């Protein structure tokens, strides 16, 4: 699912559109890893 030129940082940036679903999916339901709050 991840592109060859895609980095973890970019994934976190993209997660801003659906941080809740993404973070909870990855088990990163914390403000440290999530770009936005729940």
Protein backbone atom coordinates (compact mmCIF):
# COMPACT_ATOMS: atom_id res chain seq x y z
CA UNK A 1 0.00 0.00 0.00
CA UNK A 2 2.96 2.28 0.65
CA UNK A 3 4.67 3.83 -2.37
CA UNK A 4 8.39 3.37 -2.97
CA UNK A 5 9.01 7.10 -2.57
CA UNK A 6 6.76 7.40 0.45
CA UNK A 7 8.24 7.83 3.91
CA UNK A 8 6.78 7.30 7.37
CA UNK A 9 6.78 11.06 7.91
CA UNK A 10 4.73 11.55 4.77
CA UNK A 11 2.30 8.88 5.94
CA UNK A 12 1.82 10.80 9.18
CA UNK A 13 1.20 13.94 7.15
CA UNK A 14 -1.38 12.16 5.02
CA UNK A 15 -2.95 10.80 8.19
CA UNK A 16 -4.17 14.34 8.90
CA UNK A 17 -7.12 13.53 6.65
CA UNK A 18 -8.08 10.50 8.72
CA UNK A 19 -5.79 10.50 11.75
CA UNK A 20 -8.34 8.83 13.99
CA UNK A 21 -8.82 5.77 11.80
CA UNK A 22 -5.15 5.61 10.76
CA UNK A 23 -3.66 6.07 14.22
CA UNK A 24 -6.03 3.65 15.87
CA UNK A 25 -5.34 1.19 13.06
CA UNK A 26 -1.60 1.41 13.67
CA UNK A 27 -2.06 1.50 17.43
CA UNK A 28 -0.66 5.04 17.51
CA UNK A 29 -3.57 6.67 19.29
CA UNK A 30 -1.37 9.30 20.92
CA UNK A 31 -0.81 13.00 20.29
CA UNK A 32 2.87 12.23 19.76
CA UNK A 33 2.22 10.14 16.67
CA UNK A 34 -1.05 11.67 15.51
CA UNK A 35 -1.00 14.97 13.57
CA UNK A 36 -4.44 15.85 14.92
CA UNK A 37 -6.41 15.22 18.07
CA UNK A 38 -9.35 12.92 18.60
